[in-house]
Protein backbone atom coordinates (compact mmCIF):
# COMPACT_ATOMS: atom_id res chain seq x y z
CA MET A 1 0.00 0.00 0.00
CA LYS A 2 2.85 2.39 0.86
CA LYS A 3 4.54 1.60 -2.45
CA PHE A 4 1.30 2.46 -4.29
CA LEU A 5 0.96 5.78 -2.50
CA CYS A 6 4.60 6.56 -3.18
CA SER A 7 4.07 5.87 -6.87
CA ILE A 8 1.12 8.23 -6.90
CA PHE A 9 3.25 10.89 -5.22
CA VAL A 10 6.02 10.50 -7.77
CA ILE A 11 3.57 10.68 -10.66
CA THR A 12 2.04 13.80 -9.15
CA LEU A 13 5.45 15.45 -8.89
CA VAL A 14 6.21 14.61 -12.51
CA LEU A 15 2.91 16.02 -13.69
CA SER A 16 3.45 19.14 -11.59
CA ALA A 17 6.88 19.62 -13.07
CA CYS A 18 5.53 19.26 -16.60
CA THR A 19 2.82 21.79 -15.84
CA SER A 20 5.33 24.23 -14.42
CA SER A 21 7.67 24.10 -17.39
CA ASP A 22 5.17 23.77 -20.21
CA GLU A 23 2.14 25.68 -18.98
CA GLY A 24 3.53 28.25 -16.58
CA GLY A 25 2.73 27.00 -13.09
CA GLU A 26 -0.36 27.38 -10.95
CA GLY A 27 -1.61 30.66 -12.38
CA ASN A 28 -5.15 31.92 -11.68
CA GLY A 29 -4.31 33.88 -8.55
CA GLY A 30 -2.24 31.16 -6.87
CA ASP A 31 1.12 32.11 -8.32
CA ASN A 32 1.93 35.38 -6.50
CA PHE A 33 1.67 37.46 -9.67
CA ASP A 34 0.19 40.88 -8.88
CA ARG A 35 -3.04 40.68 -10.82
CA SER A 36 -4.29 43.97 -9.40
CA ALA A 37 -1.26 45.77 -10.80
CA MET A 38 -2.00 44.27 -14.19
CA LEU A 39 -5.65 45.30 -14.01
CA GLU A 40 -4.63 48.82 -12.97
CA ASN A 41 -2.37 49.12 -15.99
CA LEU A 42 -5.00 47.77 -18.34
CA ALA A 43 -7.70 50.08 -16.98
CA ASP A 44 -5.78 53.30 -16.35
CA ASN A 45 -3.29 53.27 -19.19
CA ILE A 46 -5.03 51.37 -21.98
CA ILE A 47 -8.79 50.86 -21.74
CA ILE A 48 -9.97 54.18 -20.30
CA PRO A 49 -7.66 56.36 -22.45
CA ALA A 50 -8.72 54.42 -25.54
CA TYR A 51 -12.38 54.94 -24.69
CA GLN A 52 -11.85 58.63 -24.01
CA ASN A 53 -10.10 59.04 -27.34
CA PHE A 54 -12.91 57.19 -29.07
CA SER A 55 -15.49 59.33 -27.31
CA ALA A 56 -13.78 62.49 -28.53
CA ASP A 57 -13.85 61.16 -32.10
CA VAL A 58 -17.53 60.25 -31.82
CA THR A 59 -18.24 63.77 -30.58
CA ALA A 60 -16.39 65.10 -33.63
CA LEU A 61 -18.50 62.78 -35.78
CA LYS A 62 -21.66 64.15 -34.18
CA ASN A 63 -20.54 67.73 -34.84
CA ALA A 64 -19.65 66.92 -38.46
CA THR A 65 -23.07 65.35 -38.90
CA SER A 66 -24.79 68.46 -37.54
CA SER A 67 -22.82 70.66 -39.94
CA PHE A 68 -23.71 68.39 -42.85
CA ILE A 69 -27.39 68.46 -41.95
CA ALA A 70 -27.35 72.23 -41.59
CA THR A 71 -25.49 72.78 -44.85
CA THR A 72 -25.68 69.77 -47.11
CA ASN A 73 -22.87 70.23 -49.59
CA GLU A 74 -19.84 68.31 -50.86
CA ASP A 75 -17.37 69.97 -48.49
CA ASN A 76 -19.39 69.02 -45.44
CA LEU A 77 -19.96 65.53 -46.82
CA ASN A 78 -16.21 65.04 -47.08
CA THR A 79 -15.71 66.44 -43.58
CA LEU A 80 -18.31 64.00 -42.32
CA ARG A 81 -16.55 61.13 -44.06
CA GLU A 82 -13.25 62.11 -42.44
CA ALA A 83 -14.86 62.22 -39.00
CA TRP A 84 -16.48 58.83 -39.61
CA ALA A 85 -13.13 57.35 -40.68
CA ASP A 86 -11.32 58.76 -37.63
CA ALA A 87 -13.96 57.38 -35.27
CA TYR A 88 -13.96 54.02 -37.06
CA ILE A 89 -10.20 53.70 -36.64
CA SER A 90 -10.54 54.65 -32.96
CA TRP A 91 -13.22 52.01 -32.56
CA GLN A 92 -10.66 49.32 -33.37
CA SER A 93 -8.94 50.12 -30.04
CA VAL A 94 -12.07 49.63 -27.90
CA GLY A 95 -14.16 46.99 -29.64
CA MET A 96 -12.49 44.15 -27.73
CA TYR A 97 -13.57 45.40 -24.30
CA GLU A 98 -16.98 43.73 -24.11
CA ILE A 99 -17.07 43.94 -20.33
CA GLY A 100 -19.07 45.95 -17.81
CA LYS A 101 -21.43 48.49 -19.36
CA ALA A 102 -20.32 47.57 -22.89
CA GLU A 103 -21.40 43.99 -22.32
CA GLU A 104 -24.67 45.11 -20.74
CA LEU A 105 -25.50 47.38 -23.70
CA GLU A 106 -24.27 44.92 -26.37
CA PHE A 107 -22.14 47.85 -27.42
CA ILE A 108 -20.24 46.11 -30.20
CA ASN A 109 -23.38 44.78 -31.89
CA PHE A 110 -24.99 48.20 -32.02
CA MET A 111 -21.80 49.95 -33.11
CA ASN A 112 -20.16 47.67 -35.65
CA LEU A 113 -22.32 44.83 -36.91
CA TYR A 114 -21.73 44.23 -40.61
CA PRO A 115 -22.81 43.69 -43.28
CA VAL A 116 -25.81 45.91 -42.65
CA SER A 117 -29.27 45.31 -44.08
CA ILE A 118 -29.82 47.90 -46.81
CA SER A 119 -33.45 46.95 -47.31
CA ASN A 120 -34.20 47.43 -43.63
CA ILE A 121 -32.31 50.72 -43.50
CA GLU A 122 -34.29 52.04 -46.44
CA ASN A 123 -37.52 50.82 -44.87
CA ASN A 124 -36.66 52.60 -41.63
CA ILE A 125 -35.98 55.80 -43.54
CA ASN A 126 -39.14 55.62 -45.61
CA THR A 127 -41.52 54.67 -42.78
CA GLU A 128 -39.75 56.62 -40.03
CA THR A 129 -40.91 53.93 -37.61
CA TYR A 130 -37.95 52.32 -35.91
CA ASN A 131 -36.56 51.73 -32.46
CA LEU A 132 -32.78 51.77 -32.57
CA ALA A 133 -32.64 50.31 -29.06
CA SER A 134 -34.12 47.06 -30.36
CA ALA A 135 -31.68 44.18 -30.82
CA GLN A 136 -33.59 43.41 -34.02
CA LEU A 137 -32.18 46.61 -35.56
CA GLN A 138 -28.51 46.05 -34.81
CA ASP A 139 -27.65 45.54 -38.48
CA GLU A 140 -29.35 48.81 -39.40
CA GLN A 141 -27.12 51.22 -37.48
CA GLY A 142 -23.58 51.88 -36.34
CA PHE A 143 -20.51 52.37 -38.48
CA GLY A 144 -21.75 50.03 -41.21
CA ALA A 145 -24.99 51.92 -41.68
CA LEU A 146 -23.10 55.23 -41.80
CA ASP A 147 -20.80 53.73 -44.42
CA TYR A 148 -23.84 53.07 -46.58
CA LEU A 149 -25.41 56.47 -45.96
CA ILE A 150 -22.34 58.59 -46.72
CA ASN A 151 -20.51 56.36 -49.21
CA GLY A 152 -22.92 53.86 -50.69
CA LEU A 153 -26.14 55.59 -51.65
CA ALA A 154 -24.88 56.35 -55.16
CA ASP A 155 -21.75 56.35 -57.31
CA THR A 156 -21.14 60.11 -57.26
CA ASP A 157 -21.13 62.71 -54.51
CA ALA A 158 -23.71 64.76 -56.35
CA ASP A 159 -26.10 61.82 -56.43
CA ILE A 160 -25.46 61.04 -52.76
CA LEU A 161 -26.21 64.64 -51.81
CA ALA A 162 -29.46 64.45 -53.76
CA PHE A 163 -30.78 61.87 -51.29
CA TYR A 164 -30.43 64.45 -48.51
CA THR A 165 -31.66 67.49 -50.39
CA GLY A 166 -34.60 65.97 -52.26
CA SER A 167 -37.97 67.50 -51.52
CA THR A 168 -39.68 64.12 -51.06
CA ASN A 169 -37.41 62.07 -48.76
CA GLY A 170 -34.48 64.40 -48.04
CA SER A 171 -35.63 65.17 -44.51
CA LYS A 172 -36.09 61.47 -43.82
CA TYR A 173 -32.49 60.67 -44.78
CA ARG A 174 -31.24 63.59 -42.71
CA ASN A 175 -33.28 62.48 -39.71
CA TYR A 176 -32.07 58.88 -39.91
CA LEU A 177 -28.44 59.91 -40.25
CA THR A 178 -28.82 62.17 -37.23
CA ALA A 179 -30.55 59.44 -35.20
CA LEU A 180 -27.78 56.94 -35.90
CA VAL A 181 -24.98 59.26 -34.84
CA GLU A 182 -26.82 60.50 -31.77
CA ARG A 183 -27.36 56.91 -30.62
CA MET A 184 -23.69 56.06 -31.19
CA ASN A 185 -22.74 59.10 -29.13
CA MET A 186 -25.21 58.21 -26.36
CA LEU A 187 -23.99 54.61 -26.09
CA THR A 188 -20.38 55.70 -26.06
CA ASN A 189 -21.03 58.23 -23.30
CA GLU A 190 -22.72 55.54 -21.20
CA VAL A 191 -19.76 53.20 -21.50
CA VAL A 192 -17.13 55.87 -20.81
CA THR A 193 -19.10 57.31 -17.88
CA SER A 194 -19.40 53.85 -16.37
CA TRP A 195 -15.63 53.32 -16.50
CA THR A 196 -14.81 56.73 -15.00
CA ASN A 197 -17.60 56.73 -12.38
CA GLY A 198 -16.99 53.53 -10.49
CA TYR A 199 -16.55 50.59 -12.82
CA ARG A 200 -12.79 51.16 -13.01
CA ASP A 201 -12.50 50.33 -9.30
CA THR A 202 -14.82 47.35 -9.64
CA PHE A 203 -12.69 46.04 -12.49
CA VAL A 204 -9.35 46.54 -10.71
CA ASN A 205 -10.50 45.16 -7.37
CA ASN A 206 -11.88 41.97 -8.91
CA GLY A 207 -8.50 40.30 -9.41
CA GLY A 208 -9.39 36.93 -7.98
CA SER A 209 -9.33 33.48 -9.49
CA SER A 210 -12.97 32.78 -10.35
CA VAL A 211 -14.53 32.68 -13.80
CA THR A 212 -16.18 36.02 -12.98
CA SER A 213 -12.91 37.73 -12.05
CA SER A 214 -11.76 40.63 -14.20
CA VAL A 215 -8.67 38.76 -15.37
CA ASP A 216 -10.67 35.76 -16.55
CA LYS A 217 -13.34 37.89 -18.19
CA ILE A 218 -11.02 40.29 -20.00
CA ALA A 219 -8.87 37.38 -21.21
CA ASN A 220 -11.94 35.70 -22.67
CA ASP A 221 -13.13 38.96 -24.22
CA PHE A 222 -9.70 39.46 -25.77
CA ILE A 223 -9.65 36.00 -27.31
CA PHE A 224 -13.28 36.08 -28.41
CA TYR A 225 -12.70 39.38 -30.21
CA TYR A 226 -9.55 38.02 -31.82
CA GLU A 227 -11.38 34.95 -33.10
CA LYS A 228 -14.77 36.35 -34.05
CA HIS A 229 -14.14 39.95 -35.03
CA LEU A 230 -10.52 40.15 -36.19
CA ARG A 231 -9.86 36.71 -37.66
CA ALA A 232 -13.39 35.77 -38.78
CA GLY A 233 -15.21 39.06 -39.38
CA LYS A 234 -12.46 40.98 -41.12
CA ILE A 235 -10.80 38.11 -43.01
CA ALA A 236 -12.29 34.62 -42.87
CA ILE A 237 -15.95 35.29 -43.63
CA PRO A 238 -15.34 37.47 -46.72
CA ALA A 239 -12.72 34.97 -47.89
CA GLY A 240 -15.20 32.10 -47.58
CA VAL A 241 -13.16 30.10 -45.06
CA PHE A 242 -16.29 28.71 -43.44
CA ALA A 243 -18.27 28.27 -46.67
CA THR A 244 -17.98 27.02 -50.23
CA GLU A 245 -18.02 30.51 -51.75
CA THR A 246 -16.54 33.92 -51.08
CA PHE A 247 -18.40 36.98 -49.82
CA PRO A 248 -16.67 40.17 -50.99
CA GLU A 249 -19.76 42.16 -49.99
CA LYS A 250 -19.22 41.24 -46.33
CA VAL A 251 -15.97 43.10 -45.72
CA GLU A 252 -15.79 45.88 -43.18
CA ALA A 253 -16.49 49.35 -44.62
CA VAL A 254 -17.50 47.81 -47.95
CA TYR A 255 -18.90 51.06 -49.40
CA LYS A 256 -15.84 53.12 -48.56
CA GLY A 257 -13.83 50.55 -50.49
CA ASP A 258 -10.21 51.35 -49.75
CA PHE A 259 -10.55 51.33 -45.97
CA SER A 260 -10.86 47.71 -44.84
CA LYS A 261 -7.11 47.13 -44.64
CA THR A 262 -6.65 50.24 -42.52
CA LEU A 263 -9.25 49.00 -40.06
CA PHE A 264 -7.72 45.53 -39.97
CA ASN A 265 -4.24 46.88 -39.23
CA ALA A 266 -5.56 49.17 -36.50
CA SER A 267 -7.36 46.27 -34.85
CA LEU A 268 -4.39 43.91 -35.10
CA SER A 269 -2.06 46.49 -33.56
CA ALA A 270 -4.51 47.30 -30.77
CA MET A 271 -4.76 43.64 -29.85
CA GLN A 272 -1.01 43.12 -29.82
CA ASP A 273 -0.50 46.30 -27.79
CA PHE A 274 -3.07 45.11 -25.25
CA PHE A 275 -1.34 41.75 -24.94
CA ASN A 276 1.94 43.57 -24.27
CA GLY A 277 0.44 46.11 -21.86
CA LYS A 278 1.44 49.02 -24.08
CA HIS A 279 -0.06 52.27 -22.91
CA PHE A 280 -2.52 53.90 -25.27
CA ASP A 281 -0.79 56.37 -27.58
CA SER A 282 2.55 55.76 -25.86
CA ASN A 283 5.50 53.39 -26.05
CA THR A 284 5.47 52.79 -22.30
CA THR A 285 4.45 49.30 -21.20
CA GLY A 286 3.18 47.88 -17.93
CA GLU A 287 1.89 44.66 -16.43
CA SER A 288 -0.03 42.58 -18.96
CA PHE A 289 -0.68 39.09 -20.22
CA ARG A 290 2.85 39.13 -21.61
CA THR A 291 4.45 39.99 -18.28
CA TYR A 292 2.17 37.48 -16.54
CA LEU A 293 3.45 34.74 -18.86
CA ASP A 294 7.01 35.98 -18.34
CA PHE A 295 6.50 35.79 -14.58
CA LEU A 296 5.40 32.17 -14.97
CA ASN A 297 8.38 31.46 -17.24
CA THR A 298 6.00 29.90 -19.77
CA ILE A 299 7.86 27.83 -22.34
CA LYS A 300 6.51 26.07 -25.42
CA GLY A 301 8.77 23.92 -27.54
CA GLY A 302 11.81 25.39 -25.85
CA GLU A 303 10.81 28.99 -26.62
CA ASP A 304 9.17 31.70 -24.53
CA LEU A 305 5.43 31.72 -25.19
CA PRO A 306 5.17 35.56 -25.17
CA LYS A 307 7.81 35.70 -27.90
CA ILE A 308 5.93 33.06 -29.91
CA ILE A 309 2.72 35.07 -29.63
CA ASN A 310 4.35 38.37 -30.59
CA ASP A 311 6.23 36.77 -33.47
CA GLN A 312 2.96 35.37 -34.78
CA PHE A 313 1.25 38.76 -34.51
CA ASN A 314 4.11 40.18 -36.58
CA THR A 315 3.97 37.36 -39.12
CA ALA A 316 0.24 37.91 -39.62
CA ARG A 317 0.88 41.64 -40.09
CA THR A 318 3.62 40.96 -42.64
CA THR A 319 1.41 38.58 -44.59
CA ALA A 320 -1.47 41.07 -44.56
CA SER A 321 0.80 43.86 -45.79
CA GLY A 322 0.44 42.49 -49.31
CA LEU A 323 -3.34 42.77 -49.25
CA ASN A 324 -5.23 45.32 -51.31
CA ASP A 325 -6.44 48.35 -49.34
CA ASN A 326 -9.88 47.18 -50.45
CA PHE A 327 -10.48 43.68 -49.07
CA SER A 328 -13.50 43.26 -51.31
CA GLU A 329 -11.31 43.68 -54.37
CA GLN A 330 -8.71 41.39 -52.80
CA VAL A 331 -11.26 38.61 -52.42
CA LYS A 332 -12.30 39.02 -56.03
CA SER A 333 -8.82 39.23 -57.54
CA ASN A 334 -6.64 36.98 -55.38
CA ASN A 335 -8.41 35.36 -52.48
CA ASN A 336 -5.41 33.14 -51.73
CA LEU A 337 -3.67 36.00 -49.95
CA MET A 338 -6.74 36.48 -47.77
CA LEU A 339 -6.61 32.77 -46.95
CA GLU A 340 -2.91 33.01 -46.14
CA THR A 341 -3.61 35.91 -43.78
CA TYR A 342 -6.33 33.87 -42.12
CA ASN A 343 -3.94 30.95 -41.65
CA GLU A 344 -1.40 33.16 -39.90
CA LEU A 345 -4.08 34.63 -37.65
CA GLN A 346 -5.36 31.16 -36.89
CA LYS A 347 -1.96 30.03 -35.61
CA ASN A 348 -2.18 32.55 -32.80
CA VAL A 349 -5.58 31.20 -31.77
CA VAL A 350 -3.74 28.11 -30.56
CA HIS A 351 -1.09 30.16 -28.78
CA ILE A 352 -3.45 32.50 -26.93
CA LYS A 353 -6.61 30.42 -26.54
CA VAL A 354 -4.92 27.15 -25.62
CA ASP A 355 -1.35 27.79 -24.48
CA MET A 356 -1.86 31.15 -22.77
CA LEU A 357 -5.10 30.24 -21.03
CA GLN A 358 -3.68 26.94 -19.84
CA ALA A 359 -0.66 28.74 -18.41
CA LEU A 360 -2.90 31.26 -16.63
CA ASN A 361 -5.31 28.49 -15.64
CA ILE A 362 -8.24 30.36 -17.19
CA ILE A 363 -11.26 28.50 -18.55
CA VAL A 364 -12.71 29.47 -21.94
CA ASP A 365 -16.24 30.77 -21.33
CA PHE A 366 -17.44 30.82 -24.94
CA GLN A 367 -17.70 28.55 -27.96
CA ASP A 368 -16.38 29.47 -31.38
CA ALA A 369 -19.47 29.44 -33.60
CA ASP A 370 -17.51 29.24 -36.85
CA GLY A 371 -17.19 25.48 -36.69
CA ASP A 372 -13.41 25.49 -36.97
């Protein structure tokens, strides 16, 4: 009996040693890593500044919309487009934070669900009977709907302006455009106010080891966004990875045309910066998933896991550098490069969803609906 127990003890030590070297030790609050310091860095130096920057750009978008409505001409249309583009780029730095008020409001679904339903948008405009707070109207608002309304109504600026100046429906188009931007501004203010009026402390002080802790939740949000919105939404779905055909009409900012690559690069960089704890709009770094993995001395195949993850981010960026600025045209002309970009993105799914979460002892709280 003693020999049996001794064997069990030896086996346990071996398994513990393997876990320590390959997966980074106990993790999940039992490893002496200062999780609160990491959460402070994420909240104070990355998340809140990114939201505040986004809020300022949405305010500029609202002001540009008001000017366009007041004086509907080509100059103001172009100013509106510039404000929309600036806010859309800023969005790429906050879309991954589906936690707290953003989760409660389904912020991402109301702000950036695409492709949008053109028939429903036109019906809303014509009937003027819509409730933008309804989850059933998520694909009829946000950045995608604005893309259609300022870039996709017609082939020329003169024809687009005619929709807003026409005596029959001009006021209806102006009203819908205004309603969309005002709702985006309202939702953004709610999320930012929540972070600055109490939720920041809730987030930082919840550094425990349960599935509802801030570390576990933000890690899952990070990975879910990487899989569903970066890898799938921006690349895989238009490229037809999960289907037997391609969908060039499903790229982000499809009506703007030459903007989808810019949005992809902004999102990819924001995700890598978050992993590394890089302060928003600064080269300073702080505690992060990378430093957590470094603390645990996490090794995979004889190489530091954080280096593997960063190298794969960079490889995906290098592969994507050859893509057309217009992903829709890329899908049509040479979809293989889209597929190659997807493959490089997919490799990091294994590194962050499997290797990183195992090292941190965090359980995945979602299922990938893409079937891959």
